[in-house]
């Protein structure tokens, strides 16, 4: 677990990664904005193939929010999540997959 800060203090952030055999760099940071926090999730594709990632933020006290991103080889994307309420915990689930190879149909 990674503690992030908020106006109320620190709260635990658990990151659940399902990256398969892909080489994806994951980093989180928190930015305090007046009375709420924004969580920045950085995903960097260090693999040799395009990947598709889905990141879900589940604070338990409000509805889960999910984001999908296509990340090209060598690219980085940042997903910003700003909850509408003060958090006391957060689960971030990340699932990344390479595209399935196209199947050729022969007649």
C-alpha atoms as a PDB file:
ATOM      1  CA  UNK A   1       0.000   0.000   0.000  1.00  0.00           C
ATOM      2  CA  UNK A   2       1.094   3.535  -0.741  1.00  0.00           C
ATOM      3  CA  UNK A   3      -0.048   6.329   1.590  1.00  0.00           C
ATOM      4  CA  UNK A   4      -1.260   9.511  -0.123  1.00  0.00           C
ATOM      5  CA  UNK A   5      -1.974  12.763   1.661  1.00  0.00           C
ATOM      6  CA  UNK A   6      -5.209  14.710   1.820  1.00  0.00           C
ATOM      7  CA  UNK A   7      -6.521  17.564   3.943  1.00  0.00           C
ATOM      8  CA  UNK A   8      -7.588  14.995   6.538  1.00  0.00           C
ATOM      9  CA  UNK A   9      -4.127  13.423   6.623  1.00  0.00           C
ATOM     10  CA  UNK A  10      -2.764  10.260   5.042  1.00  0.00           C
ATOM     11  CA  UNK A  11      -4.955   7.529   3.627  1.00  0.00           C
ATOM     12  CA  UNK A  12      -3.972   4.121   2.236  1.00  0.00           C
ATOM     13  CA  UNK A  13      -3.892   3.534  -1.505  1.00  0.00           C
ATOM     14  CA  UNK A  14      -3.737  -0.063  -2.666  1.00  0.00           C
ATOM     15  CA  UNK A  15      -2.685  -0.732  -6.256  1.00  0.00           C
ATOM     16  CA  UNK A  16      -3.735  -4.008  -7.858  1.00  0.00           C
ATOM     17  CA  UNK A  17      -1.852  -4.645 -11.111  1.00  0.00           C
ATOM     18  CA  UNK A  18      -2.764  -7.170 -13.794  1.00  0.00           C
ATOM     19  CA  UNK A  19      -0.152  -6.452 -16.457  1.00  0.00           C
ATOM     20  CA  UNK A  20       0.414  -9.941 -17.832  1.00  0.00           C
ATOM     21  CA  UNK A  21       3.965 -10.157 -19.164  1.00  0.00           C
ATOM     22  CA  UNK A  22       3.941  -6.536 -20.344  1.00  0.00           C
ATOM     23  CA  UNK A  23       6.603  -4.071 -19.232  1.00  0.00           C
ATOM     24  CA  UNK A  24       4.454  -1.206 -17.909  1.00  0.00           C
ATOM     25  CA  UNK A  25       5.774   1.396 -15.454  1.00  0.00           C
ATOM     26  CA  UNK A  26       3.167   2.520 -12.897  1.00  0.00           C
ATOM     27  CA  UNK A  27       3.445   5.542 -10.590  1.00  0.00           C
ATOM     28  CA  UNK A  28       0.937   7.462  -8.472  1.00  0.00           C
ATOM     29  CA  UNK A  29       1.069  10.917  -6.967  1.00  0.00           C
ATOM     30  CA  UNK A  30      -1.378  13.132  -5.112  1.00  0.00           C
ATOM     31  CA  UNK A  31      -2.004  16.850  -5.530  1.00  0.00           C
ATOM     32  CA  UNK A  32      -3.920  18.782  -2.867  1.00  0.00           C
ATOM     33  CA  UNK A  33      -6.351  21.265  -4.407  1.00  0.00           C
ATOM     34  CA  UNK A  34      -8.113  23.397  -1.783  1.00  0.00           C
ATOM     35  CA  UNK A  35     -10.427  20.972   0.046  1.00  0.00           C
ATOM     36  CA  UNK A  36      -9.998  17.915  -2.191  1.00  0.00           C
ATOM     37  CA  UNK A  37      -7.213  15.819  -3.654  1.00  0.00           C
ATOM     38  CA  UNK A  38      -6.441  14.766  -7.184  1.00  0.00           C
ATOM     39  CA  UNK A  39      -4.654  11.484  -7.809  1.00  0.00           C
ATOM     40  CA  UNK A  40      -2.423  11.261 -10.868  1.00  0.00           C
ATOM     41  CA  UNK A  41      -1.754   7.776 -12.215  1.00  0.00           C
ATOM     42  CA  UNK A  42       1.130   7.577 -14.680  1.00  0.00           C
ATOM     43  CA  UNK A  43       1.407   4.586 -17.021  1.00  0.00           C
ATOM     44  CA  UNK A  44       4.433   4.216 -19.295  1.00  0.00           C
ATOM     45  CA  UNK A  45       4.642   1.563 -21.995  1.00  0.00           C
ATOM     46  CA  UNK A  46       8.183   0.183 -21.880  1.00  0.00           C
ATOM     47  CA  UNK A  47       7.209  -2.804 -24.030  1.00  0.00           C
ATOM     48  CA  UNK A  48       7.683  -3.327 -27.765  1.00  0.00           C
ATOM     49  CA  UNK A  49       3.961  -3.465 -28.552  1.00  0.00           C
ATOM     50  CA  UNK A  50       0.960  -1.155 -28.251  1.00  0.00           C
ATOM     51  CA  UNK A  51      -1.044  -1.825 -25.086  1.00  0.00           C
ATOM     52  CA  UNK A  52      -4.586  -1.135 -23.946  1.00  0.00           C
ATOM     53  CA  UNK A  53      -5.013  -0.342 -20.258  1.00  0.00           C
ATOM     54  CA  UNK A  54      -8.010   0.092 -18.001  1.00  0.00           C
ATOM     55  CA  UNK A  55      -7.570   1.816 -14.651  1.00  0.00           C
ATOM     56  CA  UNK A  56     -10.361   1.721 -12.070  1.00  0.00           C
ATOM     57  CA  UNK A  57     -10.432   3.928  -8.983  1.00  0.00           C
ATOM     58  CA  UNK A  58     -12.592   2.507  -6.183  1.00  0.00           C
ATOM     59  CA  UNK A  59     -12.845   4.737  -3.091  1.00  0.00           C
ATOM     60  CA  UNK A  60     -15.609   2.572  -1.518  1.00  0.00           C
ATOM     61  CA  UNK A  61     -17.508   5.706  -0.350  1.00  0.00           C
ATOM     62  CA  UNK A  62     -18.610   6.665  -3.864  1.00  0.00           C
ATOM     63  CA  UNK A  63     -19.038   5.016  -7.252  1.00  0.00           C
ATOM     64  CA  UNK A  64     -16.040   3.392  -8.906  1.00  0.00           C
ATOM     65  CA  UNK A  65     -14.641   5.339 -11.880  1.00  0.00           C
ATOM     66  CA  UNK A  66     -12.811   3.640 -14.768  1.00  0.00           C
ATOM     67  CA  UNK A  67     -10.648   4.995 -17.568  1.00  0.00           C
ATOM     68  CA  UNK A  68      -9.396   3.267 -20.739  1.00  0.00           C
ATOM     69  CA  UNK A  69      -6.204   4.252 -22.526  1.00  0.00           C
ATOM     70  CA  UNK A  70      -4.299   3.057 -25.584  1.00  0.00           C
ATOM     71  CA  UNK A  71      -0.566   3.506 -24.999  1.00  0.00           C
ATOM     72  CA  UNK A  72       1.801   3.345 -27.957  1.00  0.00           C
ATOM     73  CA  UNK A  73       5.308   1.910 -27.706  1.00  0.00           C
ATOM     74  CA  UNK A  74       7.514   4.197 -25.599  1.00  0.00           C
ATOM     75  CA  UNK A  75       4.632   6.545 -24.702  1.00  0.00           C
ATOM     76  CA  UNK A  76       3.384   7.670 -21.309  1.00  0.00           C
ATOM     77  CA  UNK A  77      -0.136   8.626 -20.274  1.00  0.00           C
ATOM     78  CA  UNK A  78      -1.396  10.293 -17.109  1.00  0.00           C
ATOM     79  CA  UNK A  79      -4.875   9.577 -15.761  1.00  0.00           C
ATOM     80  CA  UNK A  80      -6.250  12.185 -13.350  1.00  0.00           C
ATOM     81  CA  UNK A  81      -8.847  11.135 -10.790  1.00  0.00           C
ATOM     82  CA  UNK A  82     -10.501  13.667  -8.519  1.00  0.00           C
ATOM     83  CA  UNK A  83     -13.026  12.248  -6.062  1.00  0.00           C
ATOM     84  CA  UNK A  84     -16.000  14.362  -5.087  1.00  0.00           C
ATOM     85  CA  UNK A  85     -15.543  13.541  -1.389  1.00  0.00           C
ATOM     86  CA  UNK A  86     -12.661  13.275   1.048  1.00  0.00           C
ATOM     87  CA  UNK A  87     -11.230   9.765   0.897  1.00  0.00           C
ATOM     88  CA  UNK A  88     -10.159   7.489   3.702  1.00  0.00           C
ATOM     89  CA  UNK A  89      -8.872   4.762   1.363  1.00  0.00           C
ATOM     90  CA  UNK A  90      -8.572   4.013  -2.348  1.00  0.00           C
ATOM     91  CA  UNK A  91      -8.146   0.880  -4.459  1.00  0.00           C
ATOM     92  CA  UNK A  92      -6.653   1.385  -7.927  1.00  0.00           C
ATOM     93  CA  UNK A  93      -6.964  -1.615 -10.265  1.00  0.00           C
ATOM     94  CA  UNK A  94      -4.883  -1.581 -13.441  1.00  0.00           C
ATOM     95  CA  UNK A  95      -5.308  -4.120 -16.222  1.00  0.00           C
ATOM     96  CA  UNK A  96      -3.201  -3.900 -19.394  1.00  0.00           C
ATOM     97  CA  UNK A  97      -3.264  -6.136 -22.446  1.00  0.00           C
ATOM     98  CA  UNK A  98      -1.610  -6.252 -25.843  1.00  0.00           C
ATOM     99  CA  UNK A  99      -4.035  -6.393 -28.774  1.00  0.00           C
ATOM    100  CA  UNK A 100      -4.943  -9.865 -29.905  1.00  0.00           C
ATOM    101  CA  UNK A 101      -3.290 -10.861 -33.169  1.00  0.00           C
ATOM    102  CA  UNK A 102      -5.588 -10.637 -36.165  1.00  0.00           C
ATOM    103  CA  UNK A 103      -6.686 -13.980 -37.493  1.00  0.00           C
ATOM    104  CA  UNK A 104      -6.638 -14.461 -41.219  1.00  0.00           C
ATOM    105  CA  UNK A 105      -9.543 -16.298 -42.760  1.00  0.00           C
ATOM    106  CA  UNK A 106      -8.845 -18.412 -45.784  1.00  0.00           C
ATOM    107  CA  UNK A 107     -11.594 -19.692 -48.052  1.00  0.00           C
END
